Amino acid sequence: MQSYLDEYVFRFNRRKSADCGLLFYRLLECVMQVQPVTYNSLIGKSDDV
């Protein structure tokens, strides 16, 4: 049920968007602007081995 409601809210919020097809490209631009997260930083280990 939660997935259905999330999808409905997403579509409702984007109903008047003129450039619906550009969502992927905007997401890709945002991803390229941040530093990558390493596995060690996720689990809390230092990079020193």
PDB file of N, CA and C in Angstrom:
ATOM      1  N   MET A   1       0.820  -1.185   0.000  1.00  0.00           N
ATOM      2  CA  MET A   1       0.000   0.000   0.000  1.00  0.00           C
ATOM      3  C   MET A   1       0.872   1.260   0.000  1.00  0.00           C
ATOM      4  N   GLN A   2       1.963   1.243   0.779  1.00  0.00           N
ATOM      5  CA  GLN A   2       2.816   2.424   0.845  1.00  0.00           C
ATOM      6  C   GLN A   2       3.437   2.741  -0.511  1.00  0.00           C
ATOM      7  N   SER A   3       3.839   1.725  -1.244  1.00  0.00           N
ATOM      8  CA  SER A   3       4.421   1.940  -2.577  1.00  0.00           C
ATOM      9  C   SER A   3       3.405   2.566  -3.520  1.00  0.00           C
ATOM     10  N   TYR A   4       2.174   2.116  -3.450  1.00  0.00           N
ATOM     11  CA  TYR A   4       1.115   2.674  -4.286  1.00  0.00           C
ATOM     12  C   TYR A   4       0.906   4.149  -3.963  1.00  0.00           C
ATOM     13  N   LEU A   5       0.844   4.477  -2.693  1.00  0.00           N
ATOM     14  CA  LEU A   5       0.636   5.868  -2.294  1.00  0.00           C
ATOM     15  C   LEU A   5       1.832   6.744  -2.674  1.00  0.00           C
ATOM     16  N   ASP A   6       3.038   6.226  -2.538  1.00  0.00           N
ATOM     17  CA  ASP A   6       4.227   6.975  -2.934  1.00  0.00           C
ATOM     18  C   ASP A   6       4.194   7.295  -4.424  1.00  0.00           C
ATOM     19  N   GLU A   7       3.812   6.324  -5.218  1.00  0.00           N
ATOM     20  CA  GLU A   7       3.712   6.531  -6.667  1.00  0.00           C
ATOM     21  C   GLU A   7       2.642   7.569  -6.995  1.00  0.00           C
ATOM     22  N   TYR A   8       1.513   7.504  -6.318  1.00  0.00           N
ATOM     23  CA  TYR A   8       0.437   8.458  -6.543  1.00  0.00           C
ATOM     24  C   TYR A   8       0.892   9.873  -6.196  1.00  0.00           C
ATOM     25  N   VAL A   9       1.552  10.033  -5.074  1.00  0.00           N
ATOM     26  CA  VAL A   9       2.019  11.353  -4.641  1.00  0.00           C
ATOM     27  C   VAL A   9       3.039  11.897  -5.633  1.00  0.00           C
ATOM     28  N   PHE A  10       3.950  11.040  -6.088  1.00  0.00           N
ATOM     29  CA  PHE A  10       4.952  11.461  -7.067  1.00  0.00           C
ATOM     30  C   PHE A  10       4.287  11.968  -8.340  1.00  0.00           C
ATOM     31  N   ARG A  11       3.355  11.194  -8.847  1.00  0.00           N
ATOM     32  CA  ARG A  11       2.679  11.594 -10.085  1.00  0.00           C
ATOM     33  C   ARG A  11       1.826  12.847  -9.886  1.00  0.00           C
ATOM     34  N   PHE A  12       1.172  12.958  -8.747  1.00  0.00           N
ATOM     35  CA  PHE A  12       0.348  14.135  -8.465  1.00  0.00           C
ATOM     36  C   PHE A  12       1.218  15.389  -8.396  1.00  0.00           C
ATOM     37  N   ASN A  13       2.351  15.290  -7.752  1.00  0.00           N
ATOM     38  CA  ASN A  13       3.230  16.446  -7.603  1.00  0.00           C
ATOM     39  C   ASN A  13       3.861  16.869  -8.918  1.00  0.00           C
ATOM     40  N   ARG A  14       4.001  15.937  -9.861  1.00  0.00           N
ATOM     41  CA  ARG A  14       4.625  16.260 -11.147  1.00  0.00           C
ATOM     42  C   ARG A  14       3.605  16.452 -12.266  1.00  0.00           C
ATOM     43  N   ARG A  15       2.331  16.557 -11.928  1.00  0.00           N
ATOM     44  CA  ARG A  15       1.281  16.597 -12.945  1.00  0.00           C
ATOM     45  C   ARG A  15       1.371  17.818 -13.854  1.00  0.00           C
ATOM     46  N   LYS A  16       1.915  18.927 -13.397  1.00  0.00           N
ATOM     47  CA  LYS A  16       1.993  20.149 -14.206  1.00  0.00           C
ATOM     48  C   LYS A  16       3.401  20.446 -14.680  1.00  0.00           C
ATOM     49  N   SER A  17       4.314  19.513 -14.478  1.00  0.00           N
ATOM     50  CA  SER A  17       5.691  19.716 -14.893  1.00  0.00           C
ATOM     51  C   SER A  17       5.780  19.694 -16.416  1.00  0.00           C
ATOM     52  N   ALA A  18       6.448  20.686 -16.952  1.00  0.00           N
ATOM     53  CA  ALA A  18       6.558  20.786 -18.412  1.00  0.00           C
ATOM     54  C   ALA A  18       7.599  19.825 -18.968  1.00  0.00           C
ATOM     55  N   ASP A  19       8.627  19.531 -18.194  1.00  0.00           N
ATOM     56  CA  ASP A  19       9.716  18.695 -18.688  1.00  0.00           C
ATOM     57  C   ASP A  19       9.817  17.399 -17.901  1.00  0.00           C
ATOM     58  N   CYS A  20       8.813  16.577 -17.976  1.00  0.00           N
ATOM     59  CA  CYS A  20       8.809  15.315 -17.226  1.00  0.00           C
ATOM     60  C   CYS A  20       9.934  14.392 -17.659  1.00  0.00           C
ATOM     61  N   GLY A  21      10.321  14.449 -18.910  1.00  0.00           N
ATOM     62  CA  GLY A  21      11.358  13.569 -19.419  1.00  0.00           C
ATOM     63  C   GLY A  21      12.751  13.928 -18.947  1.00  0.00           C
ATOM     64  N   LEU A  22      12.931  15.123 -18.402  1.00  0.00           N
ATOM     65  CA  LEU A  22      14.250  15.552 -17.970  1.00  0.00           C
ATOM     66  C   LEU A  22      14.584  15.140 -16.540  1.00  0.00           C
ATOM     67  N   LEU A  23      13.685  14.444 -15.880  1.00  0.00           N
ATOM     68  CA  LEU A  23      13.909  14.044 -14.502  1.00  0.00           C
ATOM     69  C   LEU A  23      15.168  13.191 -14.369  1.00  0.00           C
ATOM     70  N   PHE A  24      15.364  12.234 -15.257  1.00  0.00           N
ATOM     71  CA  PHE A  24      16.544  11.375 -15.210  1.00  0.00           C
ATOM     72  C   PHE A  24      17.816  12.189 -15.396  1.00  0.00           C
ATOM     73  N   TYR A  25      17.800  13.125 -16.314  1.00  0.00           N
ATOM     74  CA  TYR A  25      18.993  13.936 -16.565  1.00  0.00           C
ATOM     75  C   TYR A  25      19.313  14.841 -15.380  1.00  0.00           C
ATOM     76  N   ARG A  26      18.303  15.378 -14.734  1.00  0.00           N
ATOM     77  CA  ARG A  26      18.537  16.189 -13.531  1.00  0.00           C
ATOM     78  C   ARG A  26      19.113  15.336 -12.417  1.00  0.00           C
ATOM     79  N   LEU A  27      18.599  14.139 -12.248  1.00  0.00           N
ATOM     80  CA  LEU A  27      19.124  13.223 -11.245  1.00  0.00           C
ATOM     81  C   LEU A  27      20.572  12.876 -11.549  1.00  0.00           C
ATOM     82  N   LEU A  28      20.886  12.606 -12.796  1.00  0.00           N
ATOM     83  CA  LEU A  28      22.247  12.282 -13.203  1.00  0.00           C
ATOM     84  C   LEU A  28      23.193  13.447 -12.940  1.00  0.00           C
ATOM     85  N   GLU A  29      22.762  14.674 -13.204  1.00  0.00           N
ATOM     86  CA  GLU A  29      23.577  15.852 -12.923  1.00  0.00           C
ATOM     87  C   GLU A  29      23.873  15.960 -11.433  1.00  0.00           C
ATOM     88  N   CYS A  30      22.890  15.719 -10.597  1.00  0.00           N
ATOM     89  CA  CYS A  30      23.079  15.801  -9.149  1.00  0.00           C
ATOM     90  C   CYS A  30      24.048  14.736  -8.664  1.00  0.00           C
ATOM     91  N   VAL A  31      23.936  13.541  -9.224  1.00  0.00           N
ATOM     92  CA  VAL A  31      24.804  12.445  -8.820  1.00  0.00           C
ATOM     93  C   VAL A  31      26.258  12.752  -9.185  1.00  0.00           C
ATOM     94  N   MET A  32      26.475  13.383 -10.303  1.00  0.00           N
ATOM     95  CA  MET A  32      27.834  13.667 -10.755  1.00  0.00           C
ATOM     96  C   MET A  32      28.501  14.778  -9.952  1.00  0.00           C
ATOM     97  N   GLN A  33      27.742  15.546  -9.180  1.00  0.00           N
ATOM     98  CA  GLN A  33      28.299  16.674  -8.443  1.00  0.00           C
ATOM     99  C   GLN A  33      28.722  16.313  -7.019  1.00  0.00           C
ATOM    100  N   VAL A  34      28.436  15.126  -6.543  1.00  0.00           N
ATOM    101  CA  VAL A  34      28.785  14.739  -5.180  1.00  0.00           C
ATOM    102  C   VAL A  34      29.953  13.757  -5.193  1.00  0.00           C
ATOM    103  N   GLN A  35      30.674  13.711  -4.092  1.00  0.00           N
ATOM    104  CA  GLN A  35      31.785  12.776  -3.964  1.00  0.00           C
ATOM    105  C   GLN A  35      31.252  11.357  -3.750  1.00  0.00           C
ATOM    106  N   PRO A  36      31.944  10.359  -4.286  1.00  0.00           N
ATOM    107  CA  PRO A  36      31.498   8.972  -4.078  1.00  0.00           C
ATOM    108  C   PRO A  36      31.659   8.561  -2.621  1.00  0.00           C
ATOM    109  N   VAL A  37      30.804   7.670  -2.184  1.00  0.00           N
ATOM    110  CA  VAL A  37      30.858   7.143  -0.825  1.00  0.00           C
ATOM    111  C   VAL A  37      31.502   5.768  -0.896  1.00  0.00           C
ATOM    112  N   THR A  38      32.566   5.588  -0.137  1.00  0.00           N
ATOM    113  CA  THR A  38      33.265   4.302  -0.148  1.00  0.00           C
ATOM    114  C   THR A  38      32.602   3.340   0.829  1.00  0.00           C
ATOM    115  N   TYR A  39      32.889   2.074   0.640  1.00  0.00           N
ATOM    116  CA  TYR A  39      32.350   1.054   1.532  1.00  0.00           C
ATOM    117  C   TYR A  39      32.851   1.274   2.954  1.00  0.00           C
ATOM    118  N   ASN A  40      34.132   1.590   3.090  1.00  0.00           N
ATOM    119  CA  ASN A  40      34.700   1.803   4.428  1.00  0.00           C
ATOM    120  C   ASN A  40      34.035   2.965   5.155  1.00  0.00           C
ATOM    121  N   SER A  41      33.696   4.020   4.445  1.00  0.00           N
ATOM    122  CA  SER A  41      33.026   5.139   5.118  1.00  0.00           C
ATOM    123  C   SER A  41      31.599   4.766   5.525  1.00  0.00           C
ATOM    124  N   LEU A  42      30.981   3.873   4.789  1.00  0.00           N
ATOM    125  CA  LEU A  42      29.635   3.428   5.150  1.00  0.00           C
ATOM    126  C   LEU A  42      29.630   2.593   6.430  1.00  0.00           C
ATOM    127  N   ILE A  43      30.642   1.745   6.574  1.00  0.00           N
ATOM    128  CA  ILE A  43      30.674   0.877   7.743  1.00  0.00           C
ATOM    129  C   ILE A  43      31.449   1.476   8.907  1.00  0.00           C
ATOM    130  N   GLY A  44      32.068   2.663   8.694  1.00  0.00           N
ATOM    131  CA  GLY A  44      32.732   3.372   9.781  1.00  0.00           C
ATOM    132  C   GLY A  44      34.188   3.021   9.992  1.00  0.00           C
ATOM    133  N   LYS A  45      34.810   2.350   9.029  1.00  0.00           N
ATOM    134  CA  LYS A  45      36.231   2.030   9.141  1.00  0.00           C
ATOM    135  C   LYS A  45      37.035   3.141   8.491  1.00  0.00           C
ATOM    136  N   SER A  46      38.243   3.353   9.006  1.00  0.00           N
ATOM    137  CA  SER A  46      39.124   4.355   8.390  1.00  0.00           C
ATOM    138  C   SER A  46      39.735   3.760   7.137  1.00  0.00           C
ATOM    139  N   ASP A  47      40.231   4.616   6.257  1.00  0.00           N
ATOM    140  CA  ASP A  47      40.832   4.155   5.007  1.00  0.00           C
ATOM    141  C   ASP A  47      42.248   3.642   5.202  1.00  0.00           C
ATOM    142  N   ASP A  48      42.827   3.850   6.388  1.00  0.00           N
ATOM    143  CA  ASP A  48      44.175   3.355   6.664  1.00  0.00           C
ATOM    144  C   ASP A  48      44.127   1.837   6.871  1.00  0.00           C
ATOM    145  N   VAL A  49      44.962   1.129   6.168  1.00  0.00           N
ATOM    146  CA  VAL A  49      44.974  -0.343   6.294  1.00  0.00           C
ATOM    147  C   VAL A  49      46.193  -0.802   7.034  1.00  0.00           C
TER     148      VAL A  49
END
